[in-house]
Amino acid sequence: MKTTLENYEYPDTEEQLTVLLEQTYQQLTGVSLSNREPVFVERYSHGGMSSGHISPQFWAEHAIPMLLERYRESKKALLGGTDPQHLHYYYFLSIISNSPTPSSETRRDSPTGNRE
């Protein structure tokens, strides 16, 4: 999901983020979040615990609410004086990747900027 969303702008509202996450989930898995049965997605089958199985229930009940909480926290940080045009990319990536947000001195194109 992180790779798919890394070029999106920081959503203006929580509702926009919710729609974006739900649509991206469906695009990547081929099923809606309303389907609560686990689904198998071949391209994610690399061994490991899930071996390609995706839990819509987990995404609906845990992952998306967690991402929305991160969104709310990042909005608070932006309202605290950080220039949203400067950091929206990093805050958006931090929401979906759980990576720390950079300081206001870090730029998107800087060698220290983490785009992963």
N, C-alpha and C. Protein backbone atom coordinates (compact mmCIF):
# COMPACT_ATOMS: atom_id res chain seq x y z
N MET A 1 0.84 -1.19 0.00
CA MET A 1 0.00 0.00 0.00
C MET A 1 0.88 1.25 0.00
N LYS A 2 1.96 1.17 0.73
CA LYS A 2 2.85 2.33 0.81
C LYS A 2 3.36 2.73 -0.58
N THR A 3 3.79 1.76 -1.36
CA THR A 3 4.30 2.05 -2.71
C THR A 3 3.20 2.64 -3.58
N THR A 4 2.00 2.13 -3.47
CA THR A 4 0.88 2.62 -4.26
C THR A 4 0.53 4.05 -3.90
N LEU A 5 0.61 4.40 -2.63
CA LEU A 5 0.16 5.71 -2.17
C LEU A 5 1.26 6.76 -2.06
N GLU A 6 2.51 6.39 -2.30
CA GLU A 6 3.59 7.33 -2.04
C GLU A 6 3.57 8.59 -2.91
N ASN A 7 2.88 8.58 -4.02
CA ASN A 7 2.83 9.77 -4.87
C ASN A 7 1.54 10.58 -4.71
N TYR A 8 0.70 10.18 -3.76
CA TYR A 8 -0.54 10.91 -3.52
C TYR A 8 -0.27 12.11 -2.63
N GLU A 9 -1.07 13.14 -2.80
CA GLU A 9 -1.00 14.31 -1.94
C GLU A 9 -1.60 13.96 -0.58
N TYR A 10 -1.18 14.70 0.43
CA TYR A 10 -1.71 14.56 1.77
C TYR A 10 -3.20 14.90 1.74
N PRO A 11 -4.07 13.98 2.12
CA PRO A 11 -5.51 14.26 2.06
C PRO A 11 -5.89 15.42 2.97
N ASP A 12 -6.86 16.21 2.52
CA ASP A 12 -7.30 17.36 3.30
C ASP A 12 -8.15 16.97 4.50
N THR A 13 -8.90 15.86 4.37
CA THR A 13 -9.80 15.46 5.44
C THR A 13 -9.63 13.98 5.77
N GLU A 14 -10.08 13.64 6.94
CA GLU A 14 -10.06 12.23 7.36
C GLU A 14 -10.96 11.38 6.46
N GLU A 15 -12.05 11.95 6.03
CA GLU A 15 -12.96 11.23 5.14
C GLU A 15 -12.28 10.91 3.81
N GLN A 16 -11.52 11.87 3.28
CA GLN A 16 -10.79 11.62 2.03
C GLN A 16 -9.76 10.51 2.21
N LEU A 17 -9.08 10.51 3.34
CA LEU A 17 -8.11 9.46 3.61
C LEU A 17 -8.80 8.10 3.72
N THR A 18 -9.93 8.05 4.40
CA THR A 18 -10.68 6.79 4.54
C THR A 18 -11.05 6.24 3.18
N VAL A 19 -11.60 7.08 2.32
CA VAL A 19 -11.99 6.64 0.97
C VAL A 19 -10.76 6.17 0.20
N LEU A 20 -9.68 6.92 0.28
CA LEU A 20 -8.45 6.56 -0.42
C LEU A 20 -7.93 5.21 0.05
N LEU A 21 -7.90 4.98 1.36
CA LEU A 21 -7.42 3.70 1.89
C LEU A 21 -8.32 2.54 1.49
N GLU A 22 -9.63 2.75 1.56
CA GLU A 22 -10.56 1.69 1.16
C GLU A 22 -10.44 1.36 -0.32
N GLN A 23 -10.34 2.38 -1.15
CA GLN A 23 -10.19 2.15 -2.59
C GLN A 23 -8.86 1.47 -2.90
N THR A 24 -7.81 1.88 -2.24
CA THR A 24 -6.49 1.28 -2.47
C THR A 24 -6.48 -0.17 -2.01
N TYR A 25 -7.09 -0.45 -0.87
CA TYR A 25 -7.21 -1.83 -0.40
C TYR A 25 -7.90 -2.68 -1.45
N GLN A 26 -9.02 -2.20 -1.97
CA GLN A 26 -9.76 -2.97 -2.97
C GLN A 26 -8.94 -3.14 -4.25
N GLN A 27 -8.25 -2.11 -4.66
CA GLN A 27 -7.40 -2.18 -5.86
C GLN A 27 -6.30 -3.24 -5.68
N LEU A 28 -5.70 -3.28 -4.51
CA LEU A 28 -4.57 -4.19 -4.28
C LEU A 28 -4.98 -5.63 -4.00
N THR A 29 -6.17 -5.82 -3.44
CA THR A 29 -6.60 -7.18 -3.08
C THR A 29 -7.66 -7.75 -4.00
N GLY A 30 -8.38 -6.87 -4.68
CA GLY A 30 -9.46 -7.34 -5.55
C GLY A 30 -10.77 -7.57 -4.82
N VAL A 31 -10.84 -7.24 -3.53
CA VAL A 31 -12.08 -7.40 -2.76
C VAL A 31 -12.34 -6.15 -1.93
N SER A 32 -13.58 -5.96 -1.60
CA SER A 32 -13.99 -4.84 -0.77
C SER A 32 -13.74 -5.15 0.70
N LEU A 33 -13.58 -4.12 1.50
CA LEU A 33 -13.45 -4.31 2.93
C LEU A 33 -14.72 -4.85 3.57
N SER A 34 -15.84 -4.74 2.87
CA SER A 34 -17.09 -5.29 3.41
C SER A 34 -17.06 -6.81 3.43
N ASN A 35 -16.22 -7.42 2.60
CA ASN A 35 -16.01 -8.86 2.63
C ASN A 35 -15.12 -9.17 3.82
N ARG A 36 -15.61 -9.87 4.83
CA ARG A 36 -14.84 -10.12 6.05
C ARG A 36 -14.06 -11.43 6.03
N GLU A 37 -14.21 -12.21 4.98
CA GLU A 37 -13.47 -13.47 4.88
C GLU A 37 -12.07 -13.21 4.34
N PRO A 38 -11.04 -13.86 4.92
CA PRO A 38 -9.68 -13.70 4.39
C PRO A 38 -9.61 -14.08 2.92
N VAL A 39 -8.77 -13.37 2.19
CA VAL A 39 -8.60 -13.64 0.76
C VAL A 39 -7.14 -13.97 0.49
N PHE A 40 -6.92 -14.76 -0.55
CA PHE A 40 -5.57 -15.09 -0.96
C PHE A 40 -5.21 -14.23 -2.16
N VAL A 41 -4.05 -13.58 -2.10
CA VAL A 41 -3.56 -12.75 -3.21
C VAL A 41 -2.18 -13.29 -3.58
N GLU A 42 -2.09 -13.90 -4.73
CA GLU A 42 -0.88 -14.58 -5.17
C GLU A 42 0.36 -13.70 -5.10
N ARG A 43 0.25 -12.44 -5.53
CA ARG A 43 1.44 -11.59 -5.56
C ARG A 43 2.02 -11.29 -4.18
N TYR A 44 1.25 -11.54 -3.11
CA TYR A 44 1.76 -11.34 -1.76
C TYR A 44 2.19 -12.64 -1.10
N SER A 45 2.19 -13.72 -1.85
CA SER A 45 2.56 -15.02 -1.32
C SER A 45 4.07 -15.21 -1.42
N HIS A 46 4.74 -14.86 -0.34
CA HIS A 46 6.20 -14.97 -0.29
C HIS A 46 6.63 -15.84 0.89
N GLY A 47 5.77 -16.71 1.35
CA GLY A 47 6.05 -17.46 2.56
C GLY A 47 5.66 -16.63 3.76
N GLY A 48 6.23 -16.91 4.89
CA GLY A 48 5.91 -16.14 6.09
C GLY A 48 4.58 -16.55 6.69
N MET A 49 4.15 -15.80 7.66
CA MET A 49 2.94 -16.17 8.40
C MET A 49 1.68 -16.13 7.54
N SER A 50 1.50 -15.10 6.76
CA SER A 50 0.25 -14.98 6.01
C SER A 50 0.29 -15.72 4.69
N SER A 51 1.45 -15.85 4.11
CA SER A 51 1.64 -16.54 2.83
C SER A 51 0.62 -16.11 1.78
N GLY A 52 0.40 -14.81 1.71
CA GLY A 52 -0.49 -14.28 0.68
C GLY A 52 -1.93 -14.10 1.11
N HIS A 53 -2.28 -14.49 2.32
CA HIS A 53 -3.65 -14.31 2.80
C HIS A 53 -3.77 -12.93 3.45
N ILE A 54 -4.84 -12.25 3.09
CA ILE A 54 -5.11 -10.89 3.58
C ILE A 54 -6.40 -10.94 4.39
N SER A 55 -6.40 -10.29 5.54
CA SER A 55 -7.58 -10.27 6.40
C SER A 55 -8.30 -8.93 6.29
N PRO A 56 -9.42 -8.88 5.58
CA PRO A 56 -10.20 -7.64 5.53
C PRO A 56 -10.65 -7.20 6.93
N GLN A 57 -10.94 -8.15 7.78
CA GLN A 57 -11.36 -7.81 9.14
C GLN A 57 -10.27 -7.04 9.87
N PHE A 58 -9.01 -7.50 9.74
CA PHE A 58 -7.90 -6.79 10.36
C PHE A 58 -7.82 -5.36 9.82
N TRP A 59 -7.90 -5.21 8.51
CA TRP A 59 -7.79 -3.88 7.91
C TRP A 59 -8.92 -2.97 8.36
N ALA A 60 -10.14 -3.50 8.39
CA ALA A 60 -11.30 -2.68 8.76
C ALA A 60 -11.31 -2.33 10.25
N GLU A 61 -10.91 -3.27 11.10
CA GLU A 61 -11.03 -3.06 12.54
C GLU A 61 -9.76 -2.52 13.21
N HIS A 62 -8.60 -2.72 12.58
CA HIS A 62 -7.36 -2.32 13.24
C HIS A 62 -6.49 -1.39 12.40
N ALA A 63 -6.16 -1.83 11.18
CA ALA A 63 -5.19 -1.08 10.38
C ALA A 63 -5.72 0.29 9.96
N ILE A 64 -6.90 0.35 9.39
CA ILE A 64 -7.42 1.65 8.94
C ILE A 64 -7.67 2.58 10.12
N PRO A 65 -8.27 2.12 11.22
CA PRO A 65 -8.39 3.02 12.38
C PRO A 65 -7.03 3.52 12.89
N MET A 66 -6.01 2.66 12.86
CA MET A 66 -4.67 3.09 13.28
C MET A 66 -4.13 4.15 12.32
N LEU A 67 -4.33 3.96 11.03
CA LEU A 67 -3.87 4.94 10.05
C LEU A 67 -4.61 6.27 10.20
N LEU A 68 -5.88 6.20 10.52
CA LEU A 68 -6.65 7.43 10.75
C LEU A 68 -6.16 8.15 12.00
N GLU A 69 -5.79 7.41 13.03
CA GLU A 69 -5.24 8.03 14.23
C GLU A 69 -3.91 8.72 13.92
N ARG A 70 -3.08 8.08 13.14
CA ARG A 70 -1.82 8.71 12.72
C ARG A 70 -2.09 9.97 11.91
N TYR A 71 -3.12 9.92 11.09
CA TYR A 71 -3.50 11.09 10.30
C TYR A 71 -3.88 12.24 11.24
N ARG A 72 -4.71 11.95 12.24
CA ARG A 72 -5.13 12.99 13.19
C ARG A 72 -3.91 13.56 13.91
N GLU A 73 -2.98 12.70 14.33
CA GLU A 73 -1.78 13.17 15.01
C GLU A 73 -0.92 14.04 14.09
N SER A 74 -0.82 13.65 12.83
CA SER A 74 0.00 14.44 11.90
C SER A 74 -0.66 15.78 11.61
N LYS A 75 -1.98 15.81 11.54
CA LYS A 75 -2.68 17.08 11.33
C LYS A 75 -2.42 18.03 12.51
N LYS A 76 -2.39 17.48 13.71
CA LYS A 76 -2.09 18.31 14.88
C LYS A 76 -0.69 18.90 14.76
N ALA A 77 0.25 18.09 14.32
CA ALA A 77 1.63 18.57 14.14
C ALA A 77 1.68 19.65 13.08
N LEU A 78 0.93 19.47 12.00
CA LEU A 78 0.91 20.48 10.94
C LEU A 78 0.30 21.78 11.44
N LEU A 79 -0.71 21.67 12.27
CA LEU A 79 -1.35 22.86 12.81
C LEU A 79 -0.46 23.56 13.82
N GLY A 80 0.55 22.85 14.30
CA GLY A 80 1.47 23.41 15.27
C GLY A 80 2.51 24.33 14.67
N GLY A 81 2.40 24.66 13.40
CA GLY A 81 3.31 25.62 12.81
C GLY A 81 4.19 25.10 11.70
N THR A 82 4.16 23.80 11.43
CA THR A 82 4.97 23.26 10.35
C THR A 82 4.29 23.55 9.02
N ASP A 83 5.06 23.93 8.04
CA ASP A 83 4.53 24.26 6.73
C ASP A 83 4.00 23.02 6.03
N PRO A 84 2.68 22.89 5.82
CA PRO A 84 2.13 21.68 5.22
C PRO A 84 2.60 21.45 3.78
N GLN A 85 2.91 22.50 3.04
CA GLN A 85 3.41 22.32 1.68
C GLN A 85 4.79 21.66 1.70
N HIS A 86 5.52 21.90 2.76
CA HIS A 86 6.87 21.37 2.88
C HIS A 86 6.88 19.91 3.32
N LEU A 87 5.95 19.56 4.22
CA LEU A 87 6.03 18.24 4.83
C LEU A 87 4.90 17.28 4.47
N HIS A 88 3.91 17.69 3.68
CA HIS A 88 2.76 16.82 3.47
C HIS A 88 3.17 15.45 2.95
N TYR A 89 4.16 15.39 2.09
CA TYR A 89 4.61 14.12 1.53
C TYR A 89 5.13 13.21 2.64
N TYR A 90 5.95 13.74 3.52
CA TYR A 90 6.52 12.93 4.59
C TYR A 90 5.47 12.50 5.60
N TYR A 91 4.56 13.38 5.95
CA TYR A 91 3.52 13.00 6.89
C TYR A 91 2.64 11.93 6.29
N PHE A 92 2.30 12.04 5.03
CA PHE A 92 1.47 11.04 4.39
C PHE A 92 2.19 9.69 4.39
N LEU A 93 3.47 9.68 4.04
CA LEU A 93 4.22 8.42 4.07
C LEU A 93 4.33 7.87 5.48
N SER A 94 4.49 8.74 6.47
CA SER A 94 4.59 8.25 7.84
C SER A 94 3.29 7.61 8.29
N ILE A 95 2.18 8.09 7.80
CA ILE A 95 0.89 7.50 8.15
C ILE A 95 0.82 6.07 7.66
N ILE A 96 1.24 5.84 6.42
CA ILE A 96 1.09 4.51 5.86
C ILE A 96 2.27 3.59 6.08
N SER A 97 3.37 4.12 6.58
CA SER A 97 4.54 3.25 6.76
C SER A 97 5.05 3.18 8.18
N ASN A 98 4.51 3.96 9.08
CA ASN A 98 4.95 4.00 10.48
C ASN A 98 6.40 4.44 10.60
N SER A 99 6.88 5.21 9.61
CA SER A 99 8.23 5.75 9.72
C SER A 99 8.15 7.11 10.39
N PRO A 100 9.21 7.53 11.05
CA PRO A 100 9.17 8.83 11.70
C PRO A 100 9.10 9.95 10.68
N THR A 101 8.48 11.03 11.07
CA THR A 101 8.40 12.18 10.18
C THR A 101 9.67 12.99 10.33
N PRO A 102 10.13 13.61 9.24
CA PRO A 102 11.37 14.38 9.30
C PRO A 102 11.15 15.74 9.95
N SER A 103 12.23 16.37 10.27
CA SER A 103 12.13 17.72 10.79
C SER A 103 11.77 18.66 9.65
N SER A 104 11.45 19.88 10.00
CA SER A 104 11.08 20.84 8.96
C SER A 104 12.27 21.20 8.08
N GLU A 105 13.47 20.79 8.46
CA GLU A 105 14.65 21.07 7.65
C GLU A 105 14.84 20.06 6.53
N THR A 106 14.19 18.90 6.60
CA THR A 106 14.37 17.86 5.60
C THR A 106 13.47 18.12 4.40
N ARG A 107 14.01 18.04 3.22
CA ARG A 107 13.23 18.25 2.01
C ARG A 107 13.03 16.93 1.30
N ARG A 108 11.97 16.85 0.50
CA ARG A 108 11.65 15.65 -0.24
C ARG A 108 12.79 15.20 -1.13
N ASP A 109 13.49 16.13 -1.74
CA ASP A 109 14.54 15.77 -2.69
C ASP A 109 15.92 15.76 -2.04
N SER A 110 15.98 15.87 -0.72
CA SER A 110 17.29 15.88 -0.05
C SER A 110 17.84 14.46 0.04
N PRO A 111 19.16 14.32 0.10
CA PRO A 111 19.74 12.98 0.21
C PRO A 111 19.38 12.29 1.51
N THR A 112 18.95 13.02 2.52
CA THR A 112 18.56 12.40 3.78
C THR A 112 17.09 12.09 3.82
N GLY A 113 16.34 12.55 2.82
CA GLY A 113 14.91 12.26 2.78
C GLY A 113 14.67 10.81 2.48
N ASN A 114 13.86 10.14 3.29
CA ASN A 114 13.60 8.72 3.12
C ASN A 114 12.34 8.54 2.28
N ARG A 115 12.47 8.01 1.08
CA ARG A 115 11.31 7.81 0.21
C ARG A 115 10.83 6.38 0.24
N GLU A 116 11.31 5.55 1.12
CA GLU A 116 10.90 4.14 1.18
C GLU A 116 9.66 3.96 1.97
